Amino acid sequence: MIRVGFLGWGSGWADVSVANGDIAVKMMASYWHDSYSDIARAAVTIMRGAPKASFVTDAEPVICEWVFEREEGDFLKVTGSSDSADSDLSFHCSFRSTPREFGMAVLAMLEGTVKSYGERRFEKRWQHAFPEAQYQELRSLLAQSGVYLGQ
């Protein structure tokens, strides 16, 4: 099952991770680009039924991109890559997931942030607002798809 993580470790810096089974990629992100909100938007876009969505992380100067493309049978092809010429920072990987699994992974990331930091502390550390609208919409879309979210 896919997992998406976002761990802020300094003012404006974070580790972003995407994993599925044996594949796990961790990359840095800076506040220059609001990668956190990008991840939430990508999940909402896919859950709405779009054929493709993506998010990027900007690690100054390395840009990493994750692309989520719908395939037949309600599957997602997930592809990640970086533009780095440095072999230690370069990667390319691909795996399959489902829109619902991706949505649930991003919802878990968002809820983990709220529990760990709260919205105000998150905004202070990340220098971008918590994506409340995407959080609420993602919860609604997952509930509509049959995922029990509890109270």
Protein backbone atom coordinates (compact mmCIF):
# COMPACT_ATOMS: atom_id res chain seq x y z
CA MET A 1 0.00 0.00 0.00
CA ILE A 2 1.25 3.48 -0.85
CA ARG A 3 2.49 5.77 1.91
CA VAL A 4 3.13 9.50 1.64
CA GLY A 5 5.03 11.37 4.33
CA PHE A 6 5.95 14.97 5.01
CA LEU A 7 8.19 15.76 7.95
CA GLY A 8 9.17 19.38 8.55
CA TRP A 9 12.55 19.54 10.25
CA GLY A 10 13.39 23.21 10.11
CA SER A 11 11.92 26.51 9.15
CA GLY A 12 10.99 26.03 5.52
CA TRP A 13 12.58 22.58 5.03
CA ALA A 14 11.01 19.13 5.03
CA ASP A 15 11.53 15.52 4.04
CA VAL A 16 8.92 14.16 1.64
CA SER A 17 8.64 10.41 1.23
CA VAL A 18 6.69 8.20 -1.12
CA ALA A 19 6.76 4.46 -0.59
CA ASN A 20 4.98 1.36 -1.81
CA GLY A 21 6.15 -2.10 -0.81
CA ASP A 22 9.90 -2.37 -1.41
CA ILE A 23 10.10 1.00 -3.18
CA ALA A 24 10.78 3.98 -0.91
CA VAL A 25 12.03 7.38 -1.99
CA LYS A 26 12.80 10.27 0.34
CA MET A 27 13.52 13.75 -0.97
CA MET A 28 13.96 17.21 0.53
CA ALA A 29 11.59 20.06 -0.10
CA SER A 30 12.01 23.76 0.55
CA TYR A 31 9.39 26.39 1.22
CA TRP A 32 10.14 28.01 -2.16
CA HIS A 33 7.44 25.75 -3.54
CA ASP A 34 4.43 24.65 -1.48
CA SER A 35 4.91 20.92 -2.06
CA TYR A 36 2.65 20.04 0.86
CA SER A 37 -0.38 21.71 -0.72
CA ASP A 38 0.64 20.26 -4.10
CA ILE A 39 0.40 16.75 -2.65
CA ALA A 40 -3.08 17.48 -1.26
CA ARG A 41 -4.22 18.97 -4.59
CA ALA A 42 -2.92 15.94 -6.50
CA ALA A 43 -4.92 13.57 -4.28
CA VAL A 44 -8.10 15.64 -4.63
CA THR A 45 -7.63 15.84 -8.41
CA ILE A 46 -7.25 12.06 -8.73
CA MET A 47 -10.16 11.38 -6.36
CA ARG A 48 -12.35 13.66 -8.51
CA GLY A 49 -11.66 11.30 -11.42
CA ALA A 50 -9.04 13.23 -13.39
CA PRO A 51 -6.84 11.10 -15.65
CA LYS A 52 -3.60 12.60 -14.32
CA ALA A 53 -2.21 14.66 -11.46
CA SER A 54 1.27 15.48 -10.19
CA PHE A 55 3.22 17.21 -7.47
CA VAL A 56 6.76 18.51 -7.28
CA THR A 57 9.31 19.12 -4.56
CA ASP A 58 11.93 21.81 -4.90
CA ALA A 59 15.10 20.94 -3.00
CA GLU A 60 17.17 23.80 -4.40
CA PRO A 61 18.45 23.02 -7.03
CA VAL A 62 16.95 19.52 -7.47
CA ILE A 63 13.35 19.25 -8.64
CA CYS A 64 11.53 15.95 -8.05
CA GLU A 65 8.23 15.18 -9.74
CA TRP A 66 5.63 12.54 -8.95
CA VAL A 67 3.02 11.78 -11.60
CA PHE A 68 -0.17 9.80 -10.97
CA GLU A 69 -1.87 8.51 -14.13
CA ARG A 70 -5.06 6.48 -14.26
CA GLU A 71 -4.90 3.12 -15.96
CA GLU A 72 -7.58 0.63 -16.91
CA GLY A 73 -9.30 -1.05 -13.98
CA ASP A 74 -9.14 1.94 -11.62
CA PHE A 75 -5.41 1.67 -11.07
CA LEU A 76 -2.81 4.41 -10.91
CA LYS A 77 0.61 4.27 -12.45
CA VAL A 78 2.84 6.22 -10.09
CA THR A 79 6.11 7.55 -11.50
CA GLY A 80 8.72 9.54 -9.62
CA SER A 81 11.89 11.16 -10.96
CA SER A 82 14.36 13.95 -10.31
CA ASP A 83 16.21 16.30 -12.62
CA SER A 84 19.53 15.94 -10.83
CA ALA A 85 22.75 15.12 -12.65
CA ASP A 86 24.18 14.02 -9.27
CA SER A 87 23.76 10.24 -9.06
CA ASP A 88 23.19 10.42 -5.29
CA LEU A 89 20.15 12.65 -5.82
CA SER A 90 18.87 11.16 -9.06
CA PHE A 91 16.10 8.58 -9.11
CA HIS A 92 13.37 7.12 -11.27
CA CYS A 93 10.82 4.63 -10.07
CA SER A 94 7.40 3.37 -10.99
CA PHE A 95 4.70 1.31 -9.26
CA ARG A 96 0.93 0.83 -9.21
CA SER A 97 -1.65 1.90 -6.67
CA THR A 98 -5.33 2.85 -6.66
CA PRO A 99 -6.90 6.31 -6.41
CA ARG A 100 -8.45 5.36 -3.07
CA GLU A 101 -5.11 4.14 -1.62
CA PHE A 102 -3.42 7.36 -2.75
CA GLY A 103 -6.22 9.46 -1.28
CA MET A 104 -6.07 7.58 2.02
CA ALA A 105 -2.26 7.94 2.18
CA VAL A 106 -2.46 11.70 1.66
CA LEU A 107 -5.31 12.01 4.17
CA ALA A 108 -3.16 10.16 6.73
CA MET A 109 -0.32 12.61 6.00
CA LEU A 110 -2.62 15.62 6.47
CA GLU A 111 -4.15 14.26 9.67
CA GLY A 112 -0.71 13.39 11.04
CA THR A 113 0.38 16.97 10.51
CA VAL A 114 -2.64 18.36 12.33
CA LYS A 115 -2.02 16.00 15.27
CA SER A 116 1.73 16.62 15.43
CA TYR A 117 1.90 20.37 14.82
CA GLY A 118 -1.53 21.93 14.57
CA GLU A 119 -2.29 24.24 11.68
CA ARG A 120 -0.67 27.38 13.13
CA ARG A 121 2.61 25.72 14.08
CA PHE A 122 2.71 24.00 10.68
CA GLU A 123 2.27 27.35 8.92
CA LYS A 124 5.03 28.94 10.98
CA ARG A 125 7.47 26.10 10.22
CA TRP A 126 6.54 25.55 6.57
CA GLN A 127 5.79 29.21 5.72
CA HIS A 128 2.64 28.20 3.84
CA ALA A 129 -0.90 27.76 5.12
CA PHE A 130 -2.26 24.32 5.89
CA PRO A 131 -4.40 23.26 2.88
CA GLU A 132 -7.67 23.12 4.82
CA ALA A 133 -9.95 23.23 1.75
CA GLN A 134 -8.16 20.27 0.13
CA TYR A 135 -8.16 18.41 3.45
CA GLN A 136 -11.93 18.78 3.83
CA GLU A 137 -12.61 17.92 0.19
CA LEU A 138 -10.38 14.85 0.33
CA ARG A 139 -12.23 13.62 3.45
CA SER A 140 -15.53 14.12 1.64
CA LEU A 141 -14.40 12.37 -1.55
CA LEU A 142 -13.05 9.40 0.39
CA ALA A 143 -16.25 9.12 2.42
CA GLN A 144 -18.27 9.20 -0.84
CA SER A 145 -16.10 6.37 -2.17
CA GLY A 146 -17.03 4.21 0.81
CA VAL A 147 -14.06 4.77 3.12
CA TYR A 148 -15.10 4.90 6.77
CA LEU A 149 -13.39 7.87 8.38
CA GLY A 150 -14.78 7.61 11.91
CA GLN A 151 -15.72 10.70 13.82
